[in-house]
Every structure is written in structure tokens, then in C-alpha cells.
Protein backbone atom coordinates (compact mmCIF):
# COMPACT_ATOMS: atom_id res chain seq x y z
CA MET A 1 34.24 2.71 56.33
CA GLY A 2 36.96 0.81 54.44
CA PHE A 3 36.16 -2.17 52.24
CA ALA A 4 37.93 -4.69 54.51
CA LYS A 5 36.07 -3.44 57.55
CA TYR A 6 32.77 -3.59 55.70
CA ILE A 7 33.38 -7.17 54.60
CA ALA A 8 34.50 -8.24 58.07
CA THR A 9 31.50 -6.65 59.75
CA GLY A 10 29.17 -8.21 57.21
CA LEU A 11 30.65 -11.67 57.41
CA PHE A 12 30.73 -11.84 61.20
CA GLY A 13 27.28 -10.27 61.44
CA ILE A 14 25.94 -13.00 59.19
CA CYS A 15 27.86 -15.65 61.16
CA ALA A 16 26.50 -14.37 64.46
CA VAL A 17 22.91 -14.42 63.23
CA GLU A 18 23.18 -17.84 61.65
CA MET A 19 24.98 -19.33 64.65
CA ALA A 20 22.19 -18.12 66.89
CA VAL A 21 19.91 -20.49 65.01
CA ALA A 22 22.17 -23.04 63.36
CA ALA A 23 25.08 -22.97 60.99
CA PRO A 24 23.92 -23.71 57.44
CA SER A 25 24.46 -27.19 56.14
CA VAL A 26 27.54 -27.77 54.03
CA PRO A 27 26.46 -28.23 50.39
CA LYS A 28 26.09 -31.89 49.43
CA GLN A 29 28.40 -31.54 46.40
CA VAL A 30 31.15 -30.35 48.74
CA LEU A 31 30.66 -33.30 51.08
CA ASP A 32 30.54 -35.81 48.23
CA ASN A 33 33.49 -34.43 46.28
CA GLY A 34 35.59 -33.11 49.14
CA LEU A 35 37.31 -34.20 52.31
CA VAL A 36 35.64 -33.99 55.74
CA TYR A 37 38.07 -33.83 58.66
CA CYS A 38 36.52 -34.09 62.15
CA THR A 39 38.44 -32.79 65.13
CA HIS A 40 37.85 -31.07 68.47
CA ALA A 41 36.96 -27.41 68.88
CA LEU A 42 39.53 -24.87 67.70
CA SER A 43 40.60 -21.56 69.14
CA VAL A 44 38.70 -18.51 67.85
CA SER A 45 41.89 -17.25 66.23
CA LEU A 46 42.81 -18.77 62.89
CA ASN A 47 46.30 -17.34 63.25
CA PRO A 48 48.65 -19.80 65.00
CA GLN A 49 50.92 -16.92 66.02
CA THR A 50 48.38 -16.16 68.74
CA ALA A 51 47.49 -19.77 69.58
CA ASP A 52 47.88 -20.98 73.13
CA ALA A 53 51.42 -22.11 73.92
CA ALA A 54 50.36 -25.63 74.86
CA ASN A 55 47.88 -26.08 72.04
CA ASN A 56 49.38 -27.89 69.05
CA ASN A 57 46.18 -28.18 67.05
CA ASN A 58 47.05 -26.07 64.01
CA ILE A 59 45.38 -28.21 61.36
CA VAL A 60 43.70 -25.20 59.73
CA ALA A 61 46.77 -22.98 59.79
CA ASP A 62 48.93 -25.72 58.29
CA GLN A 63 46.84 -25.51 55.14
CA ILE A 64 46.36 -21.72 54.90
CA TYR A 65 49.84 -20.45 55.69
CA ASN A 66 53.47 -21.13 54.84
CA LYS A 67 56.57 -20.57 56.94
CA LEU A 68 60.11 -19.68 56.00
CA PHE A 69 61.21 -23.25 56.76
CA GLU A 70 59.81 -26.70 57.35
CA LEU A 71 61.18 -29.51 59.50
CA SER A 72 62.28 -32.73 57.86
CA GLY A 73 63.17 -36.05 59.42
CA LEU A 74 63.76 -37.09 63.01
CA ASP A 75 66.97 -35.05 63.16
CA ASN A 76 64.91 -31.84 63.05
CA HIS A 77 66.58 -30.84 59.79
CA VAL A 78 65.52 -27.39 58.59
CA VAL A 79 64.57 -27.20 54.91
CA PRO A 80 63.48 -24.09 52.97
CA SER A 81 59.83 -23.32 52.21
CA LEU A 82 59.17 -19.61 51.59
CA ALA A 83 62.92 -19.31 51.94
CA THR A 84 65.14 -20.77 49.25
CA SER A 85 68.39 -20.83 51.21
CA TYR A 86 70.10 -19.35 54.25
CA PHE A 87 73.55 -18.96 55.74
CA VAL A 88 74.81 -18.09 59.21
CA SER A 89 77.67 -15.66 59.83
CA LYS A 90 80.93 -16.88 61.35
CA ASP A 91 80.11 -15.37 64.70
CA GLY A 92 76.71 -17.12 64.67
CA LYS A 93 74.82 -13.88 65.25
CA THR A 94 73.45 -13.07 61.78
CA ILE A 95 71.20 -15.34 59.70
CA THR A 96 70.80 -14.24 56.07
CA ILE A 97 67.73 -15.70 54.35
CA ASN A 98 67.02 -15.68 50.61
CA LEU A 99 63.33 -15.67 49.71
CA ARG A 100 61.24 -17.40 47.07
CA ARG A 101 59.97 -15.29 44.18
CA GLY A 102 56.57 -15.44 42.51
CA VAL A 103 54.60 -16.47 45.62
CA LYS A 104 51.08 -15.04 45.66
CA PHE A 105 48.87 -14.28 48.63
CA HIS A 106 45.27 -15.49 48.66
CA LYS A 107 42.67 -13.47 46.78
CA THR A 108 39.39 -13.55 48.72
CA ALA A 109 36.10 -11.66 49.07
CA TRP A 110 37.71 -9.42 51.70
CA PHE A 111 41.20 -8.88 50.24
CA THR A 112 42.83 -8.58 46.82
CA PRO A 113 46.64 -8.47 46.90
CA THR A 114 48.44 -6.07 44.56
CA ARG A 115 51.89 -7.67 44.83
CA ASP A 116 53.66 -10.97 45.49
CA PHE A 117 55.21 -12.08 48.76
CA ASN A 118 58.48 -10.31 49.58
CA ALA A 119 60.86 -9.33 52.38
CA GLU A 120 58.45 -6.79 53.88
CA ASP A 121 56.04 -9.59 54.76
CA VAL A 122 58.78 -11.54 56.55
CA VAL A 123 60.00 -8.54 58.54
CA PHE A 124 56.45 -7.59 59.53
CA SER A 125 55.51 -11.15 60.56
CA LEU A 126 58.62 -11.79 62.64
CA ASN A 127 58.67 -8.36 64.23
CA ARG A 128 55.02 -8.77 65.15
CA ILE A 129 55.63 -11.93 67.18
CA ILE A 130 58.63 -10.48 69.02
CA GLY A 131 56.97 -7.11 69.68
CA LYS A 132 59.52 -5.09 67.73
CA ASN A 133 57.43 -3.45 65.03
CA ASP A 134 59.31 -0.15 65.17
CA GLY A 135 59.20 1.41 61.74
CA ILE A 136 56.91 -1.24 60.25
CA PHE A 137 54.05 1.10 59.50
CA PRO A 138 54.93 4.25 57.54
CA VAL A 139 54.35 7.65 59.12
CA GLU A 140 51.82 9.60 57.11
CA LYS A 141 53.22 12.64 55.35
CA GLY A 142 53.21 15.72 57.53
CA ILE A 143 52.11 13.86 60.67
CA THR A 144 54.38 13.10 63.61
CA ASN A 145 53.86 11.33 66.88
CA THR A 146 54.36 14.59 68.71
CA GLY A 147 51.54 16.38 66.88
CA ASN A 148 47.82 16.28 67.47
CA LYS A 149 47.40 13.44 65.03
CA ILE A 150 48.95 10.03 65.52
CA SER A 151 50.63 8.05 62.75
CA GLN A 152 49.39 4.68 61.60
CA TYR A 153 52.57 3.18 63.04
CA ALA A 154 51.86 4.60 66.50
CA LEU A 155 48.27 3.36 66.41
CA PHE A 156 49.45 -0.11 65.49
CA ASN A 157 51.98 -0.30 68.28
CA GLU A 158 49.40 0.90 70.79
CA LYS A 159 47.11 -1.96 69.77
CA ALA A 160 49.99 -4.42 69.67
CA LYS A 161 50.60 -3.91 73.39
CA ASN A 162 47.42 -5.90 74.06
CA GLN A 163 48.31 -8.71 71.66
CA HIS A 164 49.95 -11.83 73.01
CA PHE A 165 51.89 -14.58 71.28
CA PRO A 166 51.99 -17.31 73.95
CA TYR A 167 54.34 -19.78 72.26
CA PHE A 168 56.96 -17.17 71.38
CA GLU A 169 56.64 -15.60 74.79
CA SER A 170 57.21 -18.99 76.41
CA ILE A 171 60.54 -19.44 74.60
CA ARG A 172 61.50 -15.75 75.08
CA LEU A 173 62.05 -15.26 71.35
CA ARG A 174 62.15 -11.47 71.71
CA ASN A 175 65.20 -11.90 73.95
CA LYS A 176 66.93 -13.99 71.30
CA ILE A 177 66.38 -11.70 68.27
CA GLU A 178 67.84 -8.20 68.27
CA ALA A 179 66.40 -7.12 64.90
CA VAL A 180 64.96 -8.36 61.60
CA THR A 181 65.91 -6.25 58.59
CA VAL A 182 65.33 -6.05 54.84
CA VAL A 183 68.47 -6.38 52.71
CA ASN A 184 66.61 -6.28 49.41
CA PRO A 185 63.07 -7.30 48.33
CA TYR A 186 64.03 -11.00 48.41
CA GLN A 187 66.56 -11.16 51.20
CA VAL A 188 66.27 -10.56 54.95
CA GLN A 189 68.62 -10.78 57.89
CA ILE A 190 67.91 -11.91 61.44
CA HIS A 191 70.32 -10.37 63.93
CA LEU A 192 70.64 -12.40 67.12
CA VAL A 193 71.60 -11.16 70.55
CA SER A 194 73.97 -14.14 70.81
CA PRO A 195 74.49 -17.37 68.84
CA ASP A 196 71.40 -19.53 69.20
CA ALA A 197 71.07 -22.89 67.49
CA SER A 198 67.35 -23.13 68.24
CA VAL A 199 66.06 -20.08 66.34
CA LEU A 200 65.66 -21.74 62.94
CA SER A 201 63.75 -24.62 64.54
CA HIS A 202 61.40 -22.13 66.20
CA LEU A 203 60.86 -20.43 62.83
CA SER A 204 60.06 -23.82 61.29
CA GLY A 205 57.29 -24.62 63.78
CA SER A 206 53.62 -24.25 62.98
CA ASN A 207 53.29 -20.99 64.96
CA ALA A 208 55.81 -19.08 62.83
CA VAL A 209 53.57 -18.36 59.84
CA ILE A 210 54.16 -15.51 57.42
CA LEU A 211 51.39 -12.91 57.11
CA SER A 212 50.67 -10.30 54.45
CA TYR A 213 52.06 -6.89 55.37
CA GLU A 214 49.82 -5.31 52.72
CA TYR A 215 46.74 -6.89 54.32
CA ALA A 216 47.81 -5.64 57.76
CA LEU A 217 48.23 -2.10 56.42
CA GLN A 218 44.75 -2.17 54.92
CA LEU A 219 43.18 -3.47 58.13
CA ASN A 220 45.06 -1.01 60.30
CA ALA A 221 43.87 1.89 58.15
CA ASP A 222 40.31 0.68 58.71
CA ASP A 223 40.87 0.32 62.48
CA ASN A 224 40.21 -3.40 62.11
CA LEU A 225 43.54 -5.08 62.83
CA ALA A 226 41.82 -7.89 64.77
CA GLN A 227 40.68 -9.30 61.43
CA LEU A 228 44.29 -10.34 60.76
CA ASP A 229 43.70 -13.22 63.18
CA THR A 230 40.10 -14.09 62.27
CA LEU A 231 39.89 -13.82 58.47
CA PRO A 232 43.28 -15.23 57.47
CA ILE A 233 45.26 -14.39 54.36
CA GLY A 234 48.22 -16.63 53.62
CA THR A 235 50.20 -18.22 50.80
CA GLY A 236 49.27 -21.86 51.50
CA PRO A 237 47.66 -24.52 49.28
CA TYR A 238 44.18 -23.81 50.71
CA GLN A 239 42.36 -20.62 51.59
CA LEU A 240 39.43 -19.84 53.84
CA LYS A 241 36.01 -20.04 52.25
CA ARG A 242 33.76 -19.78 55.31
CA TYR A 243 34.05 -20.12 59.08
CA PHE A 244 31.22 -20.80 61.52
CA ARG A 245 32.60 -20.70 65.03
CA ASP A 246 32.29 -23.97 66.96
CA ARG A 247 30.72 -25.59 63.89
CA ASN A 248 32.86 -25.94 60.79
CA ILE A 249 35.50 -24.34 58.62
CA ARG A 250 35.39 -24.61 54.85
CA LEU A 251 38.58 -24.41 52.84
CA VAL A 252 38.92 -24.26 49.07
CA ARG A 253 41.99 -25.08 47.01
CA ASN A 254 44.30 -22.19 46.18
CA ASP A 255 44.76 -22.57 42.42
CA GLU A 256 47.62 -20.04 42.45
CA TYR A 257 49.67 -21.96 45.00
CA TRP A 258 53.39 -21.70 44.31
CA GLY A 259 54.16 -25.35 45.15
CA GLU A 260 52.70 -28.70 44.13
CA PRO A 261 48.94 -28.15 43.81
CA ALA A 262 46.46 -29.94 46.04
CA SER A 263 44.43 -32.79 44.56
CA ILE A 264 41.27 -32.24 46.64
CA LYS A 265 39.37 -29.04 45.88
CA ASN A 266 37.12 -28.71 48.96
CA VAL A 267 37.91 -29.45 52.60
CA VAL A 268 35.46 -29.23 55.49
CA ILE A 269 36.90 -29.19 59.01
CA ASP A 270 34.17 -30.12 61.48
CA VAL A 271 34.83 -28.88 65.02
CA SER A 272 31.35 -29.36 66.45
CA THR A 273 31.51 -32.73 68.19
CA THR A 274 32.87 -34.50 71.24
CA LYS A 275 34.90 -37.69 70.91
CA THR A 276 31.74 -39.78 71.06
CA GLY A 277 30.09 -37.56 68.45
CA ARG A 278 33.11 -37.83 66.15
CA LEU A 279 33.02 -41.62 66.41
CA ALA A 280 29.31 -41.68 65.53
CA ARG A 281 29.86 -39.46 62.51
CA PHE A 282 32.82 -41.50 61.35
CA LEU A 283 30.88 -44.76 61.62
CA ASN A 284 28.03 -43.12 59.73
CA GLY A 285 30.34 -42.05 56.89
CA GLU A 286 30.08 -38.33 57.69
CA CYS A 287 33.82 -37.96 58.42
CA ASP A 288 36.64 -39.12 56.17
CA ILE A 289 39.26 -38.52 58.85
CA MET A 290 38.74 -38.50 62.61
CA ALA A 291 41.39 -36.82 64.74
CA PHE A 292 41.98 -37.39 68.46
CA PRO A 293 39.82 -40.51 68.86
CA ASP A 294 39.39 -41.78 72.38
CA ALA A 295 41.93 -44.54 72.90
CA SER A 296 39.16 -46.90 74.06
CA GLN A 297 37.42 -46.47 70.69
CA LEU A 298 40.22 -47.94 68.59
CA LYS A 299 39.33 -51.56 69.36
CA LEU A 300 35.71 -50.89 68.39
CA LEU A 301 36.80 -49.32 65.13
CA ASN A 302 38.92 -52.32 64.23
CA GLU A 303 36.01 -54.65 64.98
CA ARG A 304 33.34 -52.62 63.15
CA LEU A 305 35.44 -51.45 60.20
CA PRO A 306 38.28 -53.86 59.39
CA SER A 307 39.33 -51.65 56.46
CA VAL A 308 39.72 -48.55 58.61
CA ARG A 309 43.18 -46.98 58.50
CA ILE A 310 44.67 -46.04 61.86
CA SER A 311 47.79 -43.87 61.72
CA VAL A 312 49.95 -43.65 64.82
CA ALA A 313 53.00 -41.42 65.31
CA ASP A 314 55.27 -40.59 68.22
CA SER A 315 54.82 -37.06 69.48
CA MET A 316 56.70 -34.23 71.18
CA ASN A 317 54.51 -34.03 74.27
CA LEU A 318 54.58 -34.81 77.97
CA ALA A 319 51.86 -35.20 80.60
CA PHE A 320 53.23 -34.44 84.05
CA VAL A 321 52.46 -33.33 87.59
CA ALA A 322 54.03 -29.97 88.48
CA LEU A 323 54.99 -29.51 92.13
CA ASN A 324 54.60 -25.89 93.21
CA MET A 325 57.94 -24.71 94.57
CA LYS A 326 56.32 -21.62 96.08
CA ARG A 327 54.63 -23.83 98.66
CA GLN A 328 56.46 -24.70 101.87
CA VAL A 329 55.49 -28.35 101.70
CA MET A 330 57.36 -28.74 98.38
CA GLN A 331 60.67 -27.37 99.67
CA SER A 332 61.76 -30.88 100.74
CA VAL A 333 63.33 -32.87 97.90
CA ASP A 334 62.55 -36.08 99.81
CA THR A 335 58.85 -35.17 99.79
CA ARG A 336 58.98 -34.54 96.05
CA ARG A 337 60.74 -37.85 95.44
CA ALA A 338 58.23 -39.68 97.61
CA LEU A 339 55.33 -38.28 95.58
CA ALA A 340 57.03 -39.46 92.38
CA LEU A 341 57.55 -42.96 93.80
CA ALA A 342 53.93 -43.14 94.96
CA ILE A 343 52.33 -42.73 91.51
CA ASN A 344 51.67 -45.93 89.58
CA ARG A 345 52.31 -44.58 86.11
CA ARG A 346 51.94 -47.91 84.33
CA ARG A 347 48.40 -48.26 85.67
CA ILE A 348 47.64 -44.78 84.32
CA ILE A 349 48.95 -45.76 80.89
CA GLN A 350 46.71 -48.82 80.91
CA HIS A 351 43.48 -47.16 82.06
CA ILE A 352 43.76 -43.66 80.57
CA TYR A 353 45.59 -44.25 77.30
CA TYR A 354 44.79 -47.90 76.52
CA GLY A 355 48.24 -48.51 75.08
CA THR A 356 48.46 -45.32 72.96
CA ALA A 357 51.09 -43.79 75.25
CA LYS A 358 54.39 -44.68 76.87
CA VAL A 359 55.50 -44.21 80.46
CA ALA A 360 57.71 -41.12 80.33
CA GLN A 361 61.22 -42.23 81.26
CA THR A 362 62.75 -38.91 80.21
CA ILE A 363 61.69 -35.28 80.41
CA ILE A 364 62.45 -34.66 76.73
CA PRO A 365 60.32 -37.10 74.67
CA GLN A 366 62.19 -39.94 73.01
CA ILE A 367 61.28 -38.72 69.53
CA SER A 368 63.56 -35.70 69.93
CA TRP A 369 67.07 -36.02 68.52
CA ALA A 370 68.40 -35.01 71.95
CA SER A 371 67.13 -38.27 73.44
CA ARG A 372 68.94 -40.41 70.89
CA PHE A 373 72.34 -39.47 72.23
CA ASN A 374 71.82 -39.93 75.97
CA ALA A 375 70.81 -42.57 78.46
CA THR A 376 69.15 -40.46 81.17
CA ALA A 377 66.06 -42.17 82.58
CA PHE A 378 63.54 -41.20 85.22
CA ASP A 379 64.46 -43.48 88.13
CA TYR A 380 61.30 -43.16 90.20
CA ASP A 381 59.37 -46.26 89.19
CA TYR A 382 56.40 -47.16 91.37
CA ASP A 383 57.62 -48.02 94.86
CA PRO A 384 55.02 -47.21 97.58
CA ASP A 385 57.12 -48.75 100.36
CA LYS A 386 60.04 -46.43 99.62
CA ALA A 387 57.63 -43.51 99.33
CA ARG A 388 56.27 -44.20 102.84
CA THR A 389 59.81 -44.31 104.20
CA LEU A 390 60.70 -40.94 102.67
CA LEU A 391 57.49 -39.36 103.94
CA ALA A 392 58.23 -40.61 107.47
CA ASN A 393 54.58 -40.38 108.59
CA LYS A 394 54.23 -36.70 107.71
CA ASN A 395 50.48 -37.11 107.14
CA LEU A 396 50.46 -34.56 104.32
CA THR A 397 47.31 -32.93 102.99
CA LEU A 398 47.86 -31.41 99.54
CA THR A 399 45.80 -29.15 97.29
CA PHE A 400 45.72 -30.80 93.87
CA TRP A 401 44.48 -28.76 90.90
CA VAL A 402 43.39 -30.31 87.62
CA ILE A 403 42.39 -28.47 84.45
CA ASP A 404 39.06 -29.74 83.15
CA GLU A 405 40.03 -29.56 79.47
CA GLU A 406 41.22 -32.53 77.46
CA GLN A 407 44.53 -32.11 75.67
CA VAL A 408 46.64 -34.18 73.31
CA TYR A 409 48.74 -35.29 76.27
CA ASP A 410 45.77 -35.97 78.60
CA PRO A 411 42.44 -37.18 77.19
CA ASN A 412 40.80 -37.57 80.62
CA PRO A 413 42.39 -35.26 83.20
CA ILE A 414 39.83 -35.73 85.98
CA LYS A 415 40.04 -39.52 85.84
CA MET A 416 43.85 -39.33 85.88
CA ALA A 417 43.76 -36.98 88.87
CA GLU A 418 41.50 -39.41 90.74
CA MET A 419 43.92 -42.26 90.03
CA ILE A 420 46.83 -40.20 91.34
CA LYS A 421 44.79 -39.28 94.43
CA TYR A 422 44.20 -42.99 95.06
CA ASP A 423 47.91 -43.76 94.75
CA LEU A 424 48.85 -40.96 97.14
CA ALA A 425 46.28 -42.10 99.71
CA LYS A 426 48.01 -45.50 99.83
CA VAL A 427 51.18 -43.83 101.14
CA GLY A 428 49.38 -41.59 103.64
CA VAL A 429 49.00 -38.43 101.55
CA LYS A 430 45.57 -36.85 101.28
CA ALA A 431 45.05 -34.96 97.99
CA ASN A 432 42.10 -32.57 97.75
CA ILE A 433 41.26 -32.23 94.07
CA LYS A 434 40.11 -28.86 92.76
CA VAL A 435 38.85 -28.80 89.17
CA VAL A 436 39.63 -25.49 87.43
CA SER A 437 39.31 -24.03 83.96
CA TYR A 438 42.34 -22.97 81.97
CA ASN A 439 41.20 -19.35 82.09
CA PHE A 440 40.89 -19.54 85.87
CA LEU A 441 44.40 -20.94 86.06
CA LYS A 442 45.82 -18.14 83.89
CA LYS A 443 44.11 -15.51 86.04
CA SER A 444 45.37 -17.16 89.23
CA VAL A 445 48.98 -17.25 87.98
CA LEU A 446 48.78 -13.62 86.82
CA GLU A 447 47.43 -12.45 90.18
CA GLY A 448 49.71 -14.68 92.26
CA ASN A 449 46.80 -16.76 93.59
CA ASP A 450 48.07 -20.08 92.23
CA ASN A 451 47.89 -21.66 95.68
CA TYR A 452 47.97 -25.31 94.67
CA ASP A 453 50.59 -27.74 95.98
CA MET A 454 50.52 -29.79 92.80
CA ILE A 455 48.80 -29.55 89.44
CA LEU A 456 48.17 -32.02 86.63
CA THR A 457 49.34 -30.44 83.39
CA GLY A 458 51.51 -31.08 80.34
CA TRP A 459 53.39 -29.61 77.44
CA VAL A 460 53.41 -30.05 73.68
CA THR A 461 55.62 -28.32 71.17
CA ASN A 462 55.80 -27.90 67.41
CA ASN A 463 59.42 -28.86 66.75
CA LEU A 464 61.93 -31.42 67.96
CA ASP A 465 64.38 -28.95 69.48
CA PRO A 466 64.76 -29.52 73.25
CA ASP A 467 65.00 -25.77 73.88
CA SER A 468 61.32 -25.37 73.07
CA PHE A 469 60.54 -28.12 75.55
CA LEU A 470 62.63 -27.38 78.63
CA ARG A 471 62.85 -23.59 78.57
CA PRO A 472 59.10 -22.83 78.80
CA ILE A 473 58.30 -25.27 81.59
CA LEU A 474 61.39 -25.15 83.82
CA SER A 475 63.61 -22.09 83.24
CA CYS A 476 64.04 -19.07 85.51
CA PRO A 477 62.66 -16.52 82.98
CA SER A 478 59.41 -18.52 82.76
CA GLN A 479 59.08 -18.89 86.54
CA LYS A 480 56.03 -16.66 86.99
CA THR A 481 54.23 -17.63 83.78
CA ILE A 482 51.45 -20.01 82.82
CA THR A 483 53.96 -22.47 81.30
CA ASN A 484 56.19 -22.97 84.37
CA LEU A 485 53.53 -24.25 86.74
CA SER A 486 56.09 -25.62 89.19
CA SER A 487 57.40 -22.06 89.53
CA TRP A 488 60.87 -23.58 89.47
CA CYS A 489 64.04 -21.56 89.01
CA HIS A 490 67.41 -23.31 89.21
CA PRO A 491 70.35 -21.27 87.81
CA PRO A 492 72.51 -24.35 87.05
CA LEU A 493 69.77 -25.60 84.73
CA ASP A 494 69.55 -22.23 82.97
CA ALA A 495 73.32 -22.24 82.49
CA LEU A 496 73.07 -25.61 80.72
CA LEU A 497 70.20 -24.41 78.53
CA VAL A 498 72.18 -21.33 77.48
CA LYS A 499 75.34 -23.36 76.83
CA ALA A 500 73.41 -25.81 74.62
CA LEU A 501 72.53 -22.98 72.21
CA GLN A 502 76.10 -21.91 71.54
CA THR A 503 76.73 -24.64 68.97
CA ASP A 504 74.74 -26.21 66.16
CA VAL A 505 76.42 -29.62 66.59
CA GLN A 506 73.61 -31.87 67.80
CA LEU A 507 75.87 -34.31 69.63
CA LEU A 508 77.38 -31.50 71.74
CA ARG A 509 73.98 -29.96 72.39
CA SER A 510 72.53 -33.32 73.40
CA LEU A 511 75.22 -33.77 76.05
CA ASP A 512 74.16 -30.50 77.66
CA TYR A 513 70.49 -31.54 77.55
CA ASP A 514 71.42 -34.90 79.06
CA MET A 515 73.02 -33.12 82.02
CA ALA A 516 70.00 -30.84 82.25
CA GLN A 517 67.67 -33.84 82.48
CA GLN A 518 69.84 -35.48 85.12
CA LEU A 519 69.60 -32.32 87.18
CA ILE A 520 65.80 -32.14 86.81
CA ILE A 521 65.39 -35.79 87.76
CA ARG A 522 67.49 -35.32 90.91
CA GLN A 523 65.49 -32.28 92.00
CA VAL A 524 62.00 -33.49 90.89
CA PRO A 525 60.20 -30.18 90.24
CA ILE A 526 57.88 -32.18 87.97
CA ILE A 527 56.80 -35.81 87.82
CA PRO A 528 56.65 -37.02 84.20
CA ILE A 529 53.72 -39.34 83.55
CA ALA A 530 53.32 -40.14 79.85
CA THR A 531 54.33 -39.35 76.32
CA VAL A 532 51.29 -39.81 74.11
CA ASN A 533 51.06 -41.00 70.51
CA ASN A 534 49.21 -38.97 67.90
CA VAL A 535 46.40 -41.00 66.33
CA LEU A 536 44.32 -40.38 63.19
CA VAL A 537 41.61 -42.66 61.84
CA ALA A 538 40.70 -42.53 58.12
CA ASN A 539 38.28 -44.39 55.88
CA ASN A 540 39.38 -46.13 52.70
CA ARG A 541 38.52 -43.15 50.46
CA VAL A 542 41.62 -41.26 51.62
CA ASN A 543 45.09 -41.88 50.24
CA GLY A 544 48.42 -40.29 51.12
CA ILE A 545 48.14 -39.70 54.89
CA ASN A 546 51.57 -38.85 56.26
CA MET A 547 51.30 -37.59 59.82
CA THR A 548 54.02 -35.35 61.22
CA PRO A 549 55.52 -35.89 64.69
CA PHE A 550 53.26 -33.04 65.81
CA GLY A 551 49.99 -34.71 64.85
CA SER A 552 49.18 -32.65 61.76
CA ILE A 553 48.82 -33.61 58.12
CA HIS A 554 49.09 -31.59 54.94
CA PHE A 555 45.88 -31.86 52.93
CA ARG A 556 47.71 -31.00 49.71
CA GLY A 557 49.32 -34.47 49.83
CA LEU A 558 45.98 -36.30 50.06
CA SER A 559 43.79 -37.72 47.34
CA LEU A 560 40.43 -39.49 47.21
CA ASN A 561 39.79 -42.75 45.42
CA GLY A 562 36.52 -43.91 43.91
CA VAL A 563 35.28 -45.83 46.96
CA GLN A 564 31.91 -44.51 48.09
CA LYS A 565 31.35 -43.27 51.62
């Protein structure tokens, strides 16, 4: 048994035993001299490449990993990170990227790197997420795929068939990139199928992390490739110390980090509580930062703790009702418009979000640069009388699914569904609510049993590029996937989305997206409800909070003052 496999088995065996009783307490010196960040439960995977497409909670990954690029400013400007520079060929189909030298991967109990970050790591990481790992793993000497023995490369690709990368699948990244190649140890090229102005933004998002190719080789040799996603190795300012599933994650400062070093040595990310539990811990001084507070709690916090710091930022998300175009009842555009007019969205904002969200007047959130150049607005404000006229006494009975899992864009889905049901009843539409789990929904879509008429859902993305917003939820290629829950396919919209990628001039692209939104609003495959603010609450020990438009913060920019908890 290889060393990595032994360590992994040992660590997860210990975790399993201890979780069966209780996760051990975090040492007091860590709590006193470190940062405690309380948030909701995380996915099992600590690799954001495999994170759910609609889940933007990558607070752990943002500390452990780096990407080739970061996003800067509201214009979605791409700036180098692990890259130092890049240039695009005249035909727009080749992106040449120069890489940073002297970047070290984490050294942990389960992995010791023997070399610095280089082009092989980039090619492996990008090829992995687009399913094009041909030639990544070397064929062992004297062994071919046609012989009795199988090469390490063939074994890897066989396993990779069962691996999914939901975000990149939702934007069809594998259809955008033809190949990723090494030019020299510190230069790579991305060869595109056609010019595409969105690719660099996708590679700047929190899902596009760079992994260690050397670590993957070691794990693959030990038949333990799954560890790549559960015991992470990155190049970021923090590295994993210990992880107890559904309890907490301990990070420790990476003292060999290539960039500006972090000020705080220890970070504990607590994922064990509900919103009420997080509030109790924050009030008791057990959390320095509380993420995703219930909107109704903010007034209480201001009253109880006048010195509390509440950070609010606009976000790239949308809560909406998807109308299932596979159902006969939704074939009438007048019916779809009537349903939009029947929903009192302002009342939802008041009673679900308590002022921490805005009524969605566009499909693309206003924070995106695409919304700054156009004037498209959703013109279906609450008008029950007009809704009744359009319905013409049809006496509709609709199956209304709601996913019983809170998200950034919907903190209380069942309550919102009940409010929508009430609104529809006032215009003569009976909505039968069916509460489902996300896993049930995925299975239903896969098997073609998604027999709802309408579903309460939403979308959140990790960059400000409109392509990552519209393509997953409304394009023809995504029609039969978990992201396009309206099952809508409209070729004129796809033509606009393709045209918008042919130039990198934002003004020209925004005009195409403006026309795309006008088309969507006329056809009403979805009913936009709200765009929700990201909110963080911190005590007065923490300095330097600078929240991104995607709700995350970089711990390396934080410091603690001398104020006691």
C-alpha cells in the first residue's frame, strides 16, 4: 500500500470513529489566537472543481487554492495570479499564458512535493475539468493499452468517466476548448474551438483551481484518486490541517506562500450549525465571523451588539420560478405571462429577505457589467386583474415543486413557495406544492420524470460574465440538464449568446445580452423574483474584511486586533 493511501485511510478511519462519537474540541489556543468563521454545511468535496453548479460557497477552497487569474473590479477585469501575463492570437483562438515561477505546493502529512508549480499542473487541471486528459498520465515502459496490463493513463481515464464537474458542464467548457498544451515549463497555450470572450472569466472563477499533477500521479498509482478531492493540496495562503465532516475544518497558514503572507496563523471554519445556532454562537463570542445570517436576525444584532460590523455586497445571483416547457399547460405564452403578473414579488422581498434583496428587474443581475449598458427591465409588475384577464377563467391546477434546501438566493424556499401559491390562488390558479430534495430533483431530471409545471429555483455564479449566467439556465445545450429547469430551447437566444462571444469589447457584448434579455422577457420561460445581497457579520476583533461580489473573503487579508472576545 502506498504512503498516500495509508495516510488517507488512516485519517478518514480516525475521522469516522471520532465523528461517530463527537468531533474533538478545537484546542483553546487555536480559538483564542485564531479566527473562527461560522457558515452553513459544506459539500463533502474540498475541491471546487467538483462543487455543485449552483453552489457558490467556496470559502475553504478560496484559501487553499490559487487560480491562473483573479477578477478585479465591477468590469470583470482579469488579472494574473498563478499566471504572470497572457496574450490572445489575432484570430482569437489561441491564448498563450506565462506562468509564475517559484510557487510551492503545500507540504502536509500526506504529501511532500518534489518540485515547484509548473505548466504540467495547469494542463492537468484544465484537461481534468473538460474531460480531455489524453496523454496526461505516462504509459509505463513496456506496457500498452492493448496488452494484458493497463497503463496508469488508461486507469485514470476509466475513473474519470465517473467524475463530474457541474459548473464547467453547465457552461459547456469542453465544447469551447479544443486543447491545452505545454509550450515550455512556464508557458501554456489554450486552443479554442472558436473565439470566446468568456473563457478567461471562467478560468478566473472560484471553480477553476489549479491542482498538483505530481500529487495526482501519486494518488493514481495508489488507486486512491478520490483523495484529490477530499485531502486537498494547493498553492494558496492556507493549507488543510484537519477536517471533520459536518463539524469543522481547520486551516493553518502556509509559510511558504508565494504572495503576501497571511497575518492570522490558525483558521477554524465551523460548519456544524443552523442559522439560529450560528447566531447563538456569535452572540456568545464563539464565532468571529458569521456568514449567511438570517435576514430577520440583522435587526437583533444591531440592537444587541452596536459595535458589530455588517458587510453587505451585491451578488451575481437570481431566485426565480422556472416554467416547465415540456408541459402542455406551459405552451401558452399568455399563461406564462399571467403567472408572472400574479406574483407579488415586492411582498416576497419584504417577508422573505427583510430588505436584503432587490426585486429582480432583469435576468442578468445589475452588478454585472452587461447590465450597466442596457435598459431592459422585467415588465411584469404585480397586476392580478391583468393576470385574470389573460387566464380567461382557465381554472388551472399546477404541480409546483420546491427544493427544501436553503441557498444564497433563497433562505426560506418553502415559505416563498407558500406565498406564491397564495398569490396564484387569488387569480384562480391552484398550485399543489411538492417539497423535494435536490438529489431527488437530479434523479428526476436524469430519468425524465421531472413532471412539475413550475419549480422554485435559482442560479448563482462565480464571475460577472453574462455567459455563465444565461447559458446554463436557458440555452438549448443545457435543455435536459439540472441547470435548465424550464427545459427551454429557443434557437434565436442561442444565436445571440454565440454572437456575444465573438468579441471582447464589453459594449458590443452587452448589446447582444440586452437583446437576449428582451427575448427572454417576451417569452417568459422563467419568472425572476429577487437578486439577493451577500451579508457577513463580524465582531470588532476582525479587521480588513473585503467581501467579493460572490460572497467570499480572503483570510490572508484579515488581521485581529487586541480586543477580547
